[in-house]
Amino acid sequence: MNHTIPIPEEKQTTKYWKVVNTVMDPELDVGIVDLGLIYDISIDNGVATVTMTLTSVGCPAGPEIMDGVKKALLTYPGVKEVVVNLVWEPVWGPDRVHVAIRDLLFGSE
């Protein structure tokens, strides 16, 4: 079985991570990178490939979020096409949320 390993927060330094984080989860009003939904982004020869998950398999905002990712990355210089790979492993959980946002959403421990 192929396991996805999310890019650690400290390696999310390329500007396109910030572009994708402008896409908000409509229910939580939090950027999807800060929410921990984006596992990887790469751009090669004008094609942006995004590996991401959703908070749940039945997430009603899933299509809206994925469309937002495509639209956001198409504004990034040099990107001509966007491929979104939706994965369910590793499973999303509150531990994937940026710590400052996690405290706001779920309270500090």
C-alpha atoms as a PDB file:
ATOM      1  CA  MET A   1       0.000   0.000   0.000  1.00  0.00           C
ATOM      2  CA  ASN A   2       1.325   3.455  -0.934  1.00  0.00           C
ATOM      3  CA  HIS A   3       1.400   5.834   2.036  1.00  0.00           C
ATOM      4  CA  THR A   4       1.357   9.593   1.673  1.00  0.00           C
ATOM      5  CA  ILE A   5       3.694  11.509   3.945  1.00  0.00           C
ATOM      6  CA  PRO A   6       2.637  15.149   4.342  1.00  0.00           C
ATOM      7  CA  ILE A   7       5.288  17.834   3.819  1.00  0.00           C
ATOM      8  CA  PRO A   8       6.289  19.210   7.248  1.00  0.00           C
ATOM      9  CA  GLU A   9       5.162  22.768   7.925  1.00  0.00           C
ATOM     10  CA  GLU A  10       8.737  24.100   8.032  1.00  0.00           C
ATOM     11  CA  LYS A  11       9.280  22.899   4.431  1.00  0.00           C
ATOM     12  CA  GLN A  12       6.176  24.672   3.102  1.00  0.00           C
ATOM     13  CA  THR A  13       8.236  27.709   2.109  1.00  0.00           C
ATOM     14  CA  THR A  14       7.495  28.075  -1.596  1.00  0.00           C
ATOM     15  CA  LYS A  15       5.074  30.909  -2.362  1.00  0.00           C
ATOM     16  CA  TYR A  16       2.517  28.603  -3.952  1.00  0.00           C
ATOM     17  CA  TRP A  17       1.766  27.172  -0.480  1.00  0.00           C
ATOM     18  CA  LYS A  18       0.548  30.657   0.503  1.00  0.00           C
ATOM     19  CA  VAL A  19      -1.545  30.871  -2.663  1.00  0.00           C
ATOM     20  CA  VAL A  20      -3.260  27.581  -1.827  1.00  0.00           C
ATOM     21  CA  ASN A  21      -3.795  28.695   1.777  1.00  0.00           C
ATOM     22  CA  THR A  22      -6.049  31.490   0.458  1.00  0.00           C
ATOM     23  CA  VAL A  23      -8.582  28.722  -0.212  1.00  0.00           C
ATOM     24  CA  MET A  24     -10.744  28.605   2.905  1.00  0.00           C
ATOM     25  CA  ASP A  25     -12.654  25.751   4.398  1.00  0.00           C
ATOM     26  CA  PRO A  26     -16.172  27.233   4.111  1.00  0.00           C
ATOM     27  CA  GLU A  27     -17.360  25.727   7.402  1.00  0.00           C
ATOM     28  CA  LEU A  28     -14.345  26.664   9.543  1.00  0.00           C
ATOM     29  CA  ASP A  29     -13.143  29.787   7.678  1.00  0.00           C
ATOM     30  CA  VAL A  30      -9.543  28.577   7.916  1.00  0.00           C
ATOM     31  CA  GLY A  31      -7.002  28.281   5.093  1.00  0.00           C
ATOM     32  CA  ILE A  32      -6.723  24.692   3.918  1.00  0.00           C
ATOM     33  CA  VAL A  33      -2.934  24.554   4.349  1.00  0.00           C
ATOM     34  CA  ASP A  34      -3.267  25.739   7.962  1.00  0.00           C
ATOM     35  CA  LEU A  35      -6.049  23.190   8.384  1.00  0.00           C
ATOM     36  CA  GLY A  36      -3.652  20.429   7.316  1.00  0.00           C
ATOM     37  CA  LEU A  37      -5.583  19.330   4.241  1.00  0.00           C
ATOM     38  CA  ILE A  38      -2.711  19.812   1.789  1.00  0.00           C
ATOM     39  CA  TYR A  39      -0.116  17.049   1.946  1.00  0.00           C
ATOM     40  CA  ASP A  40       2.062  18.047  -1.013  1.00  0.00           C
ATOM     41  CA  ILE A  41       2.299  20.515  -3.893  1.00  0.00           C
ATOM     42  CA  SER A  42       4.731  20.333  -6.770  1.00  0.00           C
ATOM     43  CA  ILE A  43       4.991  22.279  -9.994  1.00  0.00           C
ATOM     44  CA  ASP A  44       6.721  20.794 -13.032  1.00  0.00           C
ATOM     45  CA  ASN A  45       6.566  22.108 -16.593  1.00  0.00           C
ATOM     46  CA  GLY A  46       3.512  24.234 -15.857  1.00  0.00           C
ATOM     47  CA  VAL A  47       1.571  21.422 -14.188  1.00  0.00           C
ATOM     48  CA  ALA A  48       0.797  21.833 -10.492  1.00  0.00           C
ATOM     49  CA  THR A  49       0.124  18.551  -8.732  1.00  0.00           C
ATOM     50  CA  VAL A  50      -1.584  18.711  -5.350  1.00  0.00           C
ATOM     51  CA  THR A  51      -2.000  15.820  -2.956  1.00  0.00           C
ATOM     52  CA  MET A  52      -4.681  16.599  -0.420  1.00  0.00           C
ATOM     53  CA  THR A  53      -7.349  15.175   1.815  1.00  0.00           C
ATOM     54  CA  LEU A  54     -10.596  16.398   3.340  1.00  0.00           C
ATOM     55  CA  THR A  55     -11.762  16.425   6.936  1.00  0.00           C
ATOM     56  CA  SER A  56     -14.055  13.478   6.169  1.00  0.00           C
ATOM     57  CA  VAL A  57     -14.944  11.200   3.272  1.00  0.00           C
ATOM     58  CA  GLY A  58     -18.419  12.736   3.072  1.00  0.00           C
ATOM     59  CA  CYS A  59     -17.262  16.357   3.375  1.00  0.00           C
ATOM     60  CA  PRO A  60     -19.978  18.374   1.610  1.00  0.00           C
ATOM     61  CA  ALA A  61     -17.510  21.179   0.843  1.00  0.00           C
ATOM     62  CA  GLY A  62     -15.038  18.820  -0.877  1.00  0.00           C
ATOM     63  CA  PRO A  63     -15.832  19.766  -4.482  1.00  0.00           C
ATOM     64  CA  GLU A  64     -15.816  23.479  -3.608  1.00  0.00           C
ATOM     65  CA  ILE A  65     -12.448  23.200  -1.849  1.00  0.00           C
ATOM     66  CA  MET A  66     -10.846  21.199  -4.668  1.00  0.00           C
ATOM     67  CA  ASP A  67     -12.164  23.682  -7.246  1.00  0.00           C
ATOM     68  CA  GLY A  68     -10.739  26.508  -5.128  1.00  0.00           C
ATOM     69  CA  VAL A  69      -7.312  24.824  -5.150  1.00  0.00           C
ATOM     70  CA  LYS A  70      -7.378  24.621  -8.947  1.00  0.00           C
ATOM     71  CA  LYS A  71      -8.481  28.239  -9.357  1.00  0.00           C
ATOM     72  CA  ALA A  72      -5.903  29.517  -6.861  1.00  0.00           C
ATOM     73  CA  LEU A  73      -2.982  27.690  -8.455  1.00  0.00           C
ATOM     74  CA  LEU A  74      -3.984  28.765 -11.960  1.00  0.00           C
ATOM     75  CA  THR A  75      -3.218  32.332 -10.790  1.00  0.00           C
ATOM     76  CA  TYR A  76       0.352  31.327  -9.857  1.00  0.00           C
ATOM     77  CA  PRO A  77       2.952  32.364 -12.464  1.00  0.00           C
ATOM     78  CA  GLY A  78       3.750  29.584 -14.916  1.00  0.00           C
ATOM     79  CA  VAL A  79       0.957  27.211 -13.878  1.00  0.00           C
ATOM     80  CA  LYS A  80      -1.134  26.140 -16.855  1.00  0.00           C
ATOM     81  CA  GLU A  81      -2.792  23.020 -15.439  1.00  0.00           C
ATOM     82  CA  VAL A  82      -3.666  21.706 -11.980  1.00  0.00           C
ATOM     83  CA  VAL A  83      -4.062  18.066 -11.004  1.00  0.00           C
ATOM     84  CA  VAL A  84      -5.615  17.364  -7.600  1.00  0.00           C
ATOM     85  CA  ASN A  85      -5.043  13.933  -6.084  1.00  0.00           C
ATOM     86  CA  LEU A  86      -7.498  13.287  -3.268  1.00  0.00           C
ATOM     87  CA  VAL A  87      -6.163  10.767  -0.748  1.00  0.00           C
ATOM     88  CA  TRP A  88      -7.516   9.288   2.461  1.00  0.00           C
ATOM     89  CA  GLU A  89      -4.202   8.172   3.943  1.00  0.00           C
ATOM     90  CA  PRO A  90      -3.010   9.387   6.270  1.00  0.00           C
ATOM     91  CA  VAL A  91      -6.390  10.157   7.743  1.00  0.00           C
ATOM     92  CA  TRP A  92      -6.947  13.820   8.585  1.00  0.00           C
ATOM     93  CA  GLY A  93      -7.324  14.689  12.255  1.00  0.00           C
ATOM     94  CA  PRO A  94      -7.146  17.806  14.442  1.00  0.00           C
ATOM     95  CA  ASP A  95      -3.458  17.057  15.074  1.00  0.00           C
ATOM     96  CA  ARG A  96      -2.761  18.122  11.457  1.00  0.00           C
ATOM     97  CA  VAL A  97      -4.076  21.660  12.071  1.00  0.00           C
ATOM     98  CA  HIS A  98      -1.474  24.415  12.576  1.00  0.00           C
ATOM     99  CA  VAL A  99      -0.995  24.670  16.346  1.00  0.00           C
ATOM    100  CA  ALA A 100      -2.159  28.324  16.636  1.00  0.00           C
ATOM    101  CA  ILE A 101      -5.312  27.561  14.640  1.00  0.00           C
ATOM    102  CA  ARG A 102      -5.869  24.320  16.555  1.00  0.00           C
ATOM    103  CA  ASP A 103      -5.951  26.243  19.827  1.00  0.00           C
ATOM    104  CA  LEU A 104      -8.526  28.663  18.402  1.00  0.00           C
ATOM    105  CA  LEU A 105     -10.723  25.883  16.996  1.00  0.00           C
ATOM    106  CA  PHE A 106     -10.423  23.251  19.690  1.00  0.00           C
ATOM    107  CA  GLY A 107      -8.953  25.087  22.709  1.00  0.00           C
ATOM    108  CA  SER A 108      -5.520  24.550  24.182  1.00  0.00           C
ATOM    109  CA  GLU A 109      -4.711  21.367  26.017  1.00  0.00           C
END
